[in-house]
C-alpha atoms as a PDB file:
ATOM      1  CA  MET A   1       6.806 -51.579 -13.309  1.00  0.00           C
ATOM      2  CA  ARG A   2       7.176 -50.849  -9.603  1.00  0.00           C
ATOM      3  CA  LYS A   3       9.855 -48.253 -10.305  1.00  0.00           C
ATOM      4  CA  ARG A   4       7.533 -46.509 -12.746  1.00  0.00           C
ATOM      5  CA  LYS A   5       4.717 -46.345 -10.138  1.00  0.00           C
ATOM      6  CA  LEU A   6       7.095 -44.867  -7.573  1.00  0.00           C
ATOM      7  CA  THR A   7       8.248 -42.233 -10.057  1.00  0.00           C
ATOM      8  CA  ILE A   8       4.661 -41.261 -10.879  1.00  0.00           C
ATOM      9  CA  MET A   9       3.755 -41.108  -7.159  1.00  0.00           C
ATOM     10  CA  PHE A  10       6.856 -39.026  -6.481  1.00  0.00           C
ATOM     11  CA  PHE A  11       5.637 -36.335  -8.908  1.00  0.00           C
ATOM     12  CA  LEU A  12       1.886 -36.550  -8.176  1.00  0.00           C
ATOM     13  CA  LEU A  13       2.026 -36.553  -4.374  1.00  0.00           C
ATOM     14  CA  PRO A  14       3.367 -32.967  -4.038  1.00  0.00           C
ATOM     15  CA  LEU A  15       0.718 -31.702  -6.480  1.00  0.00           C
ATOM     16  CA  ILE A  16      -2.041 -33.386  -4.480  1.00  0.00           C
ATOM     17  CA  CYS A  17      -0.679 -31.985  -1.212  1.00  0.00           C
ATOM     18  CA  LEU A  18      -0.315 -28.453  -2.588  1.00  0.00           C
ATOM     19  CA  ASN A  19      -3.898 -28.433  -3.837  1.00  0.00           C
ATOM     20  CA  SER A  20      -5.310 -29.623  -0.519  1.00  0.00           C
ATOM     21  CA  TYR A  21      -4.110 -26.543   1.432  1.00  0.00           C
ATOM     22  CA  PRO A  22      -5.544 -23.057   0.919  1.00  0.00           C
ATOM     23  CA  GLN A  23      -3.378 -20.932  -1.312  1.00  0.00           C
ATOM     24  CA  TYR A  24      -3.134 -17.174  -1.002  1.00  0.00           C
ATOM     25  CA  LYS A  25      -2.641 -14.624  -3.740  1.00  0.00           C
ATOM     26  CA  LYS A  26       0.831 -13.097  -3.682  1.00  0.00           C
ATOM     27  CA  ASN A  27       0.171  -9.723  -5.365  1.00  0.00           C
ATOM     28  CA  ALA A  28      -2.335  -6.897  -5.082  1.00  0.00           C
ATOM     29  CA  VAL A  29      -3.047  -3.544  -6.685  1.00  0.00           C
ATOM     30  CA  VAL A  30      -4.744  -1.225  -4.190  1.00  0.00           C
ATOM     31  CA  ILE A  31      -6.512   2.110  -4.754  1.00  0.00           C
ATOM     32  CA  GLU A  32      -6.823   4.238  -1.633  1.00  0.00           C
ATOM     33  CA  LEU A  33      -8.688   7.433  -0.761  1.00  0.00           C
ATOM     34  CA  LEU A  34      -7.175   9.633   1.975  1.00  0.00           C
ATOM     35  CA  GLY A  35      -4.549   6.994   2.580  1.00  0.00           C
ATOM     36  CA  LYS A  36      -0.903   6.485   3.270  1.00  0.00           C
ATOM     37  CA  SER A  37       0.318   8.928   0.632  1.00  0.00           C
ATOM     38  CA  CYS A  38      -0.904  11.840   2.820  1.00  0.00           C
ATOM     39  CA  TYR A  39      -2.847  13.081  -0.240  1.00  0.00           C
ATOM     40  CA  TYR A  40      -6.361  12.536  -1.604  1.00  0.00           C
ATOM     41  CA  PHE A  41      -5.659   9.492  -3.749  1.00  0.00           C
ATOM     42  CA  ASP A  42      -2.975   6.853  -4.229  1.00  0.00           C
ATOM     43  CA  ILE A  43      -2.445   3.593  -6.055  1.00  0.00           C
ATOM     44  CA  SER A  44      -0.073   0.950  -4.683  1.00  0.00           C
ATOM     45  CA  TYR A  45       1.396  -2.424  -5.543  1.00  0.00           C
ATOM     46  CA  GLU A  46       1.669  -4.922  -2.687  1.00  0.00           C
ATOM     47  CA  ARG A  47       3.591  -8.177  -2.451  1.00  0.00           C
ATOM     48  CA  ASN A  48       2.488 -10.739   0.155  1.00  0.00           C
ATOM     49  CA  LEU A  49       5.534 -12.364   1.745  1.00  0.00           C
ATOM     50  CA  THR A  50       3.339 -14.653   3.874  1.00  0.00           C
ATOM     51  CA  GLU A  51      -0.399 -14.804   4.554  1.00  0.00           C
ATOM     52  CA  ARG A  52       0.059 -12.189   7.294  1.00  0.00           C
ATOM     53  CA  ILE A  53       2.939  -9.964   6.088  1.00  0.00           C
ATOM     54  CA  HIS A  54       3.098  -7.771   2.987  1.00  0.00           C
ATOM     55  CA  ILE A  55       5.221  -4.904   1.695  1.00  0.00           C
ATOM     56  CA  GLY A  56       4.250  -2.265  -0.809  1.00  0.00           C
ATOM     57  CA  GLY A  57       4.904   0.972  -2.580  1.00  0.00           C
ATOM     58  CA  GLY A  58       2.939   3.332  -4.738  1.00  0.00           C
ATOM     59  CA  ILE A  59       2.291   6.864  -5.865  1.00  0.00           C
ATOM     60  CA  GLY A  60      -0.301   9.387  -4.768  1.00  0.00           C
ATOM     61  CA  THR A  61      -1.296  12.824  -5.974  1.00  0.00           C
ATOM     62  CA  SER A  62      -3.152  15.855  -4.726  1.00  0.00           C
ATOM     63  CA  GLY A  63      -3.552  17.460  -8.125  1.00  0.00           C
ATOM     64  CA  ILE A  64      -2.009  20.264 -10.141  1.00  0.00           C
ATOM     65  CA  ASP A  65      -1.419  23.778  -8.782  1.00  0.00           C
ATOM     66  CA  HIS A  66      -1.506  26.718 -11.174  1.00  0.00           C
ATOM     67  CA  LEU A  67       1.118  29.176  -9.918  1.00  0.00           C
ATOM     68  CA  ASP A  68       1.978  32.725 -10.986  1.00  0.00           C
ATOM     69  CA  PHE A  69       5.692  33.483 -11.080  1.00  0.00           C
ATOM     70  CA  ASN A  70       7.246  36.719 -12.399  1.00  0.00           C
ATOM     71  CA  GLY A  71       4.306  37.517 -14.634  1.00  0.00           C
ATOM     72  CA  GLY A  72       4.027  33.979 -16.054  1.00  0.00           C
ATOM     73  CA  THR A  73       2.095  30.936 -14.981  1.00  0.00           C
ATOM     74  CA  PHE A  74       3.176  27.327 -14.690  1.00  0.00           C
ATOM     75  CA  ASN A  75       1.767  24.089 -13.393  1.00  0.00           C
ATOM     76  CA  ARG A  76       3.154  22.146 -10.442  1.00  0.00           C
ATOM     77  CA  LEU A  77       2.193  18.511  -9.891  1.00  0.00           C
ATOM     78  CA  ASN A  78       2.285  17.478  -6.216  1.00  0.00           C
ATOM     79  CA  PHE A  79       2.879  13.791  -5.568  1.00  0.00           C
ATOM     80  CA  SER A  80       3.824  11.355  -2.822  1.00  0.00           C
ATOM     81  CA  ILE A  81       5.575   7.972  -2.831  1.00  0.00           C
ATOM     82  CA  PRO A  82       4.422   5.743   0.067  1.00  0.00           C
ATOM     83  CA  LEU A  83       6.684   2.810   1.057  1.00  0.00           C
ATOM     84  CA  TYR A  84       5.328   0.502   3.762  1.00  0.00           C
ATOM     85  CA  GLY A  85       5.097  -2.891   5.415  1.00  0.00           C
ATOM     86  CA  ALA A  86       2.059  -4.462   7.087  1.00  0.00           C
ATOM     87  CA  TYR A  87       1.089  -7.263   9.433  1.00  0.00           C
ATOM     88  CA  SER A  88      -2.407  -8.778   9.663  1.00  0.00           C
ATOM     89  CA  PHE A  89      -3.802 -10.323  12.852  1.00  0.00           C
ATOM     90  CA  GLY A  90      -6.156 -13.227  12.260  1.00  0.00           C
ATOM     91  CA  LEU A  91      -6.417 -15.986   9.686  1.00  0.00           C
ATOM     92  CA  LYS A  92      -9.991 -15.620   8.493  1.00  0.00           C
ATOM     93  CA  ARG A  93     -11.404 -13.094   6.042  1.00  0.00           C
ATOM     94  CA  HIS A  94     -11.977 -10.405   8.687  1.00  0.00           C
ATOM     95  CA  ARG A  95      -8.693  -9.150  10.154  1.00  0.00           C
ATOM     96  CA  ILE A  96      -7.002  -6.368  12.043  1.00  0.00           C
ATOM     97  CA  ILE A  97      -4.158  -4.831  10.050  1.00  0.00           C
ATOM     98  CA  SER A  98      -1.212  -2.742  11.227  1.00  0.00           C
ATOM     99  CA  GLU A  99       1.045  -0.808   8.839  1.00  0.00           C
ATOM    100  CA  ILE A 100       4.244   1.167   9.241  1.00  0.00           C
ATOM    101  CA  GLY A 101       6.013   3.186   6.595  1.00  0.00           C
ATOM    102  CA  MET A 102       6.899   6.560   5.153  1.00  0.00           C
ATOM    103  CA  SER A 103       5.668   8.876   2.423  1.00  0.00           C
ATOM    104  CA  ILE A 104       8.207  10.787   0.372  1.00  0.00           C
ATOM    105  CA  LEU A 105       6.606  14.065  -0.716  1.00  0.00           C
ATOM    106  CA  GLY A 106       7.647  15.823  -3.894  1.00  0.00           C
ATOM    107  CA  ASN A 107       6.595  17.931  -6.863  1.00  0.00           C
ATOM    108  CA  THR A 108       7.439  18.658 -10.487  1.00  0.00           C
ATOM    109  CA  THR A 109       7.612  21.997 -12.298  1.00  0.00           C
ATOM    110  CA  PRO A 110       8.855  23.045 -15.737  1.00  0.00           C
ATOM    111  CA  TYR A 111      11.947  24.560 -14.065  1.00  0.00           C
ATOM    112  CA  ASN A 112      12.653  21.673 -11.682  1.00  0.00           C
ATOM    113  CA  PHE A 113      11.605  18.302 -13.106  1.00  0.00           C
ATOM    114  CA  LEU A 114      11.735  16.397  -9.814  1.00  0.00           C
ATOM    115  CA  SER A 115      11.981  17.796  -6.309  1.00  0.00           C
ATOM    116  CA  LEU A 116      11.693  15.578  -3.219  1.00  0.00           C
ATOM    117  CA  SER A 117      10.943  17.833  -0.296  1.00  0.00           C
ATOM    118  CA  ASP A 118       9.945  15.892   2.813  1.00  0.00           C
ATOM    119  CA  VAL A 119       9.594  12.448   4.395  1.00  0.00           C
ATOM    120  CA  THR A 120       6.522  11.764   6.539  1.00  0.00           C
ATOM    121  CA  PRO A 121       6.599   8.609   8.703  1.00  0.00           C
ATOM    122  CA  PHE A 122       3.261   6.965   9.522  1.00  0.00           C
ATOM    123  CA  ILE A 123       1.664   4.032  11.313  1.00  0.00           C
ATOM    124  CA  SER A 124      -1.871   2.708  11.008  1.00  0.00           C
ATOM    125  CA  VAL A 125      -4.266   0.257  12.614  1.00  0.00           C
ATOM    126  CA  GLY A 126      -7.543  -0.779  11.064  1.00  0.00           C
ATOM    127  CA  TYR A 127      -9.969  -3.316   9.676  1.00  0.00           C
ATOM    128  CA  GLU A 128      -9.282  -5.532   6.648  1.00  0.00           C
ATOM    129  CA  TYR A 129     -11.585  -7.830   4.711  1.00  0.00           C
ATOM    130  CA  LYS A 130      -9.605 -10.183   2.477  1.00  0.00           C
ATOM    131  CA  GLY A 131     -11.614 -12.343   0.090  1.00  0.00           C
ATOM    132  CA  GLU A 132     -10.403 -14.635  -2.666  1.00  0.00           C
ATOM    133  CA  HIS A 133     -10.054 -11.887  -5.278  1.00  0.00           C
ATOM    134  CA  TYR A 134     -10.516  -8.570  -3.450  1.00  0.00           C
ATOM    135  CA  VAL A 135      -9.293  -6.757  -0.352  1.00  0.00           C
ATOM    136  CA  PHE A 136     -11.058  -3.916   1.478  1.00  0.00           C
ATOM    137  CA  ARG A 137      -9.483  -1.850   4.292  1.00  0.00           C
ATOM    138  CA  VAL A 138     -10.479   0.979   6.620  1.00  0.00           C
ATOM    139  CA  PRO A 139      -7.320   2.035   8.513  1.00  0.00           C
ATOM    140  CA  VAL A 140      -6.754   4.894  10.948  1.00  0.00           C
ATOM    141  CA  TYR A 141      -3.440   6.613  10.159  1.00  0.00           C
ATOM    142  CA  PHE A 142      -1.128   8.559  12.442  1.00  0.00           C
ATOM    143  CA  ALA A 143       1.581  10.573  10.666  1.00  0.00           C
ATOM    144  CA  TYR A 144       4.323  12.649  12.236  1.00  0.00           C
ATOM    145  CA  ILE A 145       4.201  16.043  10.507  1.00  0.00           C
ATOM    146  CA  GLY A 146       6.465  17.940  12.897  1.00  0.00           C
ATOM    147  CA  ARG A 147       5.839  21.024  14.966  1.00  0.00           C
ATOM    148  CA  ASN A 148       3.712  23.773  13.425  1.00  0.00           C
ATOM    149  CA  GLU A 149       1.231  26.458  14.426  1.00  0.00           C
ATOM    150  CA  PHE A 150      -1.965  24.923  13.061  1.00  0.00           C
ATOM    151  CA  PHE A 151      -1.905  21.150  13.617  1.00  0.00           C
ATOM    152  CA  PRO A 152      -0.642  18.762  16.309  1.00  0.00           C
ATOM    153  CA  SER A 153       2.709  17.037  15.690  1.00  0.00           C
ATOM    154  CA  VAL A 154       0.978  13.705  15.055  1.00  0.00           C
ATOM    155  CA  MET A 155      -1.927  14.017  12.621  1.00  0.00           C
ATOM    156  CA  PRO A 156      -4.680  11.315  12.641  1.00  0.00           C
ATOM    157  CA  TRP A 157      -7.041  10.563   9.730  1.00  0.00           C
ATOM    158  CA  ILE A 158      -9.117   7.696   8.299  1.00  0.00           C
ATOM    159  CA  GLY A 159      -8.565   6.163   4.865  1.00  0.00           C
ATOM    160  CA  VAL A 160     -10.477   3.703   2.699  1.00  0.00           C
ATOM    161  CA  SER A 161      -8.855   1.295   0.260  1.00  0.00           C
ATOM    162  CA  PHE A 162     -10.002  -1.314  -2.231  1.00  0.00           C
ATOM    163  CA  GLY A 163      -7.693  -3.744  -4.027  1.00  0.00           C
ATOM    164  CA  ARG A 164      -7.564  -6.617  -6.456  1.00  0.00           C
ATOM    165  CA  LEU A 165      -5.567  -9.720  -5.554  1.00  0.00           C
ATOM    166  CA  PHE A 166      -3.767 -11.714  -8.222  1.00  0.00           C
END
């Protein structure tokens, strides 16, 4: 009888202990406007490694260009693949978040199915609200776009993102 009680306690005690501590959701799908893809819109999948650290990747698009070429027209889809890691400061719902990563820019045409043209590294710092089921962020991004005539080498902009935790 005593052995049976010990066996039951051995299996129940970890379940009781696990339920007494706050659990965090390990996955998220995030939609972002003017975000890390360097385009208008992107959607990303994120995996939380700990409560403070997550990694992610996604795809963003700026739309379809209609181009004229040798008397004919064709469509070109411009896209971006952001790959990133992030660290959150703070343990409550309101946090400061810092991200670092890169966006791989590319396009597709009928003549060239997939063309990866450029890599844009970025960092960001911003605000994050992380509830039980949703996450909301307002980061300020800084991307290195290289030397050119029109813009500075490091381009700043603000993004807004909303995600669902699961």
